[in-house]
Amino acid sequence: VVSTQSTGLDADWSINNFSWHWMSCSAFFNMYYRVYSPVAFFKKTDPSGAYIRKHVPVLAKYPDKYIYEPWTAPTATQKAAGCIIGQDYPKPMVDHGRASKENMEKMKGAFAANKEMKEAGEPAAKKRKKG
C-alpha cells in the first residue's frame, strides 16, 4: 500500500493525520454535520473530469455524467467505455451517503454525551501521560 505520507513531497505526519481526520469529518469538530463529498466538489470544479481522465486512464472513455461515479453507469455505458466496474476498476469501498449519515449520528451522540457530562459536573477525560 502506497500512502500520501510516503509519496508526498511535503509529507508531514501530524499535518497529514489531522487533514485526513478533518476531511473525513471524523475528528471532533463542532460542525460535524458538514461532511465533504468525495464527488460533489470535483463535479463543480472539473465537470468534464479532465484530471480523472489524465490520471486514471481506465476511466478516460466514460461520459462526463459518470466520470466521478462510474459505478452508477449502466452496463452498456461501462462496456462502451471499455471499463466494467468491479472487473476493470474497483467497486466503491463504502456507500458515502450512508457512511456519512452514520458518522454524523455517532458524532452527534458523542457531542451530546460530552455536553451531559459537563452539565453533570463530571471531569473531562484525563490526558494520557507520555512515557
C-alpha atoms as a PDB file:
ATOM      1  CA  VAL A   1       0.000   0.000   0.000  1.00  0.00           C
ATOM      2  CA  VAL A   2       1.389   3.370  -1.004  1.00  0.00           C
ATOM      3  CA  SER A   3       0.341   6.277   1.152  1.00  0.00           C
ATOM      4  CA  THR A   4       0.411  10.009   0.639  1.00  0.00           C
ATOM      5  CA  GLN A   5       2.794  10.098   3.601  1.00  0.00           C
ATOM      6  CA  SER A   6       5.455   8.109   1.747  1.00  0.00           C
ATOM      7  CA  THR A   7       4.973   9.784  -1.627  1.00  0.00           C
ATOM      8  CA  GLY A   8       4.147  13.372  -0.718  1.00  0.00           C
ATOM      9  CA  LEU A   9       6.836  15.942  -1.400  1.00  0.00           C
ATOM     10  CA  ASP A  10       5.731  17.939   1.620  1.00  0.00           C
ATOM     11  CA  ALA A  11       4.711  14.984   3.779  1.00  0.00           C
ATOM     12  CA  ASP A  12       4.345  15.743   7.458  1.00  0.00           C
ATOM     13  CA  TRP A  13       2.696  13.050   9.597  1.00  0.00           C
ATOM     14  CA  SER A  14       0.996  15.389  12.031  1.00  0.00           C
ATOM     15  CA  ILE A  15      -0.469  17.578   9.297  1.00  0.00           C
ATOM     16  CA  ASN A  16      -1.494  14.643   7.096  1.00  0.00           C
ATOM     17  CA  ASN A  17      -3.093  12.816  10.010  1.00  0.00           C
ATOM     18  CA  PHE A  18      -5.110  15.846  11.069  1.00  0.00           C
ATOM     19  CA  SER A  19      -6.075  16.693   7.484  1.00  0.00           C
ATOM     20  CA  TRP A  20      -7.446  13.201   6.858  1.00  0.00           C
ATOM     21  CA  HIS A  21      -9.465  13.412  10.068  1.00  0.00           C
ATOM     22  CA  TRP A  22     -10.701  16.873   9.140  1.00  0.00           C
ATOM     23  CA  MET A  23     -11.713  15.951   5.598  1.00  0.00           C
ATOM     24  CA  SER A  24     -13.442  12.764   6.739  1.00  0.00           C
ATOM     25  CA  CYS A  25     -15.293  14.707   9.453  1.00  0.00           C
ATOM     26  CA  SER A  26     -14.279  12.034  11.935  1.00  0.00           C
ATOM     27  CA  ALA A  27     -12.285  14.418  14.121  1.00  0.00           C
ATOM     28  CA  PHE A  28     -14.043  16.231  16.934  1.00  0.00           C
ATOM     29  CA  PHE A  29     -15.052  19.323  15.034  1.00  0.00           C
ATOM     30  CA  ASN A  30     -18.079  21.222  16.302  1.00  0.00           C
ATOM     31  CA  MET A  31     -19.657  21.335  12.830  1.00  0.00           C
ATOM     32  CA  TYR A  32     -19.538  17.542  12.441  1.00  0.00           C
ATOM     33  CA  TYR A  33     -22.585  17.691  10.160  1.00  0.00           C
ATOM     34  CA  ARG A  34     -20.520  19.336   7.406  1.00  0.00           C
ATOM     35  CA  VAL A  35     -19.350  16.231   5.601  1.00  0.00           C
ATOM     36  CA  TYR A  36     -17.316  16.780   2.465  1.00  0.00           C
ATOM     37  CA  SER A  37     -18.418  14.773  -0.543  1.00  0.00           C
ATOM     38  CA  PRO A  38     -15.721  12.931  -2.486  1.00  0.00           C
ATOM     39  CA  VAL A  39     -17.780  13.617  -5.637  1.00  0.00           C
ATOM     40  CA  ALA A  40     -19.641  16.949  -5.416  1.00  0.00           C
ATOM     41  CA  PHE A  41     -16.614  19.246  -5.137  1.00  0.00           C
ATOM     42  CA  PHE A  42     -14.958  17.769  -8.207  1.00  0.00           C
ATOM     43  CA  LYS A  43     -18.151  17.878 -10.258  1.00  0.00           C
ATOM     44  CA  LYS A  44     -18.203  21.630  -9.598  1.00  0.00           C
ATOM     45  CA  THR A  45     -14.523  22.357 -10.189  1.00  0.00           C
ATOM     46  CA  ASP A  46     -13.768  19.938 -13.047  1.00  0.00           C
ATOM     47  CA  PRO A  47     -17.115  18.995 -14.637  1.00  0.00           C
ATOM     48  CA  SER A  48     -15.542  17.263 -17.626  1.00  0.00           C
ATOM     49  CA  GLY A  49     -13.277  15.125 -15.431  1.00  0.00           C
ATOM     50  CA  ALA A  50     -10.034  16.145 -17.162  1.00  0.00           C
ATOM     51  CA  TYR A  51      -7.980  15.323 -14.075  1.00  0.00           C
ATOM     52  CA  ILE A  52      -9.519  11.849 -13.730  1.00  0.00           C
ATOM     53  CA  ARG A  53      -9.107  11.159 -17.449  1.00  0.00           C
ATOM     54  CA  LYS A  54      -5.424  12.073 -17.254  1.00  0.00           C
ATOM     55  CA  HIS A  55      -4.521  10.211 -14.059  1.00  0.00           C
ATOM     56  CA  VAL A  56      -6.970   7.279 -14.198  1.00  0.00           C
ATOM     57  CA  PRO A  57      -6.797   6.360 -17.887  1.00  0.00           C
ATOM     58  CA  VAL A  58      -9.019   3.292 -17.494  1.00  0.00           C
ATOM     59  CA  LEU A  59     -11.919   5.745 -16.926  1.00  0.00           C
ATOM     60  CA  ALA A  60     -10.959   8.095 -19.769  1.00  0.00           C
ATOM     61  CA  LYS A  61     -13.734   6.983 -22.124  1.00  0.00           C
ATOM     62  CA  TYR A  62     -16.550   7.429 -19.614  1.00  0.00           C
ATOM     63  CA  PRO A  63     -19.091  10.156 -20.377  1.00  0.00           C
ATOM     64  CA  ASP A  64     -18.835  13.294 -18.221  1.00  0.00           C
ATOM     65  CA  LYS A  65     -22.055  12.304 -16.474  1.00  0.00           C
ATOM     66  CA  TYR A  66     -20.402   9.209 -14.959  1.00  0.00           C
ATOM     67  CA  ILE A  67     -16.729  10.166 -14.695  1.00  0.00           C
ATOM     68  CA  TYR A  68     -16.899  10.797 -10.920  1.00  0.00           C
ATOM     69  CA  GLU A  69     -19.272   7.922 -10.155  1.00  0.00           C
ATOM     70  CA  PRO A  70     -18.537   5.282 -12.789  1.00  0.00           C
ATOM     71  CA  TRP A  71     -20.311   2.590 -10.749  1.00  0.00           C
ATOM     72  CA  THR A  72     -23.613   4.372 -11.484  1.00  0.00           C
ATOM     73  CA  ALA A  73     -23.187   3.982 -15.242  1.00  0.00           C
ATOM     74  CA  PRO A  74     -25.433   1.434 -16.954  1.00  0.00           C
ATOM     75  CA  THR A  75     -23.713  -1.770 -18.047  1.00  0.00           C
ATOM     76  CA  ALA A  76     -23.947  -0.724 -21.713  1.00  0.00           C
ATOM     77  CA  THR A  77     -22.116   2.531 -20.938  1.00  0.00           C
ATOM     78  CA  GLN A  78     -19.424   0.660 -19.000  1.00  0.00           C
ATOM     79  CA  LYS A  79     -18.920  -1.746 -21.908  1.00  0.00           C
ATOM     80  CA  ALA A  80     -18.751   1.130 -24.405  1.00  0.00           C
ATOM     81  CA  ALA A  81     -16.120   2.817 -22.225  1.00  0.00           C
ATOM     82  CA  GLY A  82     -14.123  -0.422 -22.058  1.00  0.00           C
ATOM     83  CA  CYS A  83     -14.186  -0.495 -18.262  1.00  0.00           C
ATOM     84  CA  ILE A  84     -16.502  -2.705 -16.261  1.00  0.00           C
ATOM     85  CA  ILE A  85     -16.817  -1.657 -12.623  1.00  0.00           C
ATOM     86  CA  GLY A  86     -15.862  -4.495 -10.314  1.00  0.00           C
ATOM     87  CA  GLN A  87     -13.758  -6.074 -13.050  1.00  0.00           C
ATOM     88  CA  ASP A  88     -11.527  -3.405 -14.649  1.00  0.00           C
ATOM     89  CA  TYR A  89     -11.961  -0.816 -11.893  1.00  0.00           C
ATOM     90  CA  PRO A  90     -12.911  -1.457  -8.254  1.00  0.00           C
ATOM     91  CA  LYS A  91     -16.395  -1.006  -6.854  1.00  0.00           C
ATOM     92  CA  PRO A  92     -16.744   1.694  -4.164  1.00  0.00           C
ATOM     93  CA  MET A  93     -15.406   0.640  -0.775  1.00  0.00           C
ATOM     94  CA  VAL A  94     -18.305   2.305   1.067  1.00  0.00           C
ATOM     95  CA  ASP A  95     -21.603   3.943   0.298  1.00  0.00           C
ATOM     96  CA  HIS A  96     -20.588   7.517   1.085  1.00  0.00           C
ATOM     97  CA  GLY A  97     -24.140   8.721   1.666  1.00  0.00           C
ATOM     98  CA  ARG A  98     -24.859   6.005   4.201  1.00  0.00           C
ATOM     99  CA  ALA A  99     -21.440   6.130   5.888  1.00  0.00           C
ATOM    100  CA  SER A 100     -21.517   9.915   6.282  1.00  0.00           C
ATOM    101  CA  LYS A 101     -25.002   9.765   7.850  1.00  0.00           C
ATOM    102  CA  GLU A 102     -23.869   7.055  10.261  1.00  0.00           C
ATOM    103  CA  ASN A 103     -20.793   9.088  11.177  1.00  0.00           C
ATOM    104  CA  MET A 104     -22.865  12.241  11.766  1.00  0.00           C
ATOM    105  CA  GLU A 105     -25.172  10.324  14.108  1.00  0.00           C
ATOM    106  CA  LYS A 106     -22.197   8.953  16.058  1.00  0.00           C
ATOM    107  CA  MET A 107     -20.599  12.396  16.316  1.00  0.00           C
ATOM    108  CA  LYS A 108     -23.931  13.902  17.380  1.00  0.00           C
ATOM    109  CA  GLY A 109     -24.138  11.278  20.127  1.00  0.00           C
ATOM    110  CA  ALA A 110     -20.576  11.939  21.270  1.00  0.00           C
ATOM    111  CA  PHE A 111     -21.178  15.687  21.482  1.00  0.00           C
ATOM    112  CA  ALA A 112     -24.453  15.126  23.374  1.00  0.00           C
ATOM    113  CA  ALA A 113     -22.740  12.780  25.850  1.00  0.00           C
ATOM    114  CA  ASN A 114     -19.952  15.304  26.384  1.00  0.00           C
ATOM    115  CA  LYS A 115     -22.476  18.070  26.996  1.00  0.00           C
ATOM    116  CA  GLU A 116     -24.341  15.899  29.522  1.00  0.00           C
ATOM    117  CA  MET A 117     -21.092  15.142  31.349  1.00  0.00           C
ATOM    118  CA  LYS A 118     -20.225  18.828  31.547  1.00  0.00           C
ATOM    119  CA  GLU A 119     -23.711  19.717  32.803  1.00  0.00           C
ATOM    120  CA  ALA A 120     -23.476  16.978  35.436  1.00  0.00           C
ATOM    121  CA  GLY A 121     -20.128  18.371  36.569  1.00  0.00           C
ATOM    122  CA  GLU A 122     -18.184  15.266  35.630  1.00  0.00           C
ATOM    123  CA  PRO A 123     -14.488  15.807  34.903  1.00  0.00           C
ATOM    124  CA  ALA A 124     -13.256  15.775  31.340  1.00  0.00           C
ATOM    125  CA  ALA A 125     -11.384  12.721  30.130  1.00  0.00           C
ATOM    126  CA  LYS A 126      -7.871  12.597  31.523  1.00  0.00           C
ATOM    127  CA  LYS A 127      -4.973  13.074  29.151  1.00  0.00           C
ATOM    128  CA  ARG A 128      -2.573  10.164  28.918  1.00  0.00           C
ATOM    129  CA  LYS A 129       0.936  10.711  30.190  1.00  0.00           C
ATOM    130  CA  LYS A 130       3.717  10.088  27.710  1.00  0.00           C
ATOM    131  CA  GLY A 131       6.421   7.614  28.563  1.00  0.00           C
END
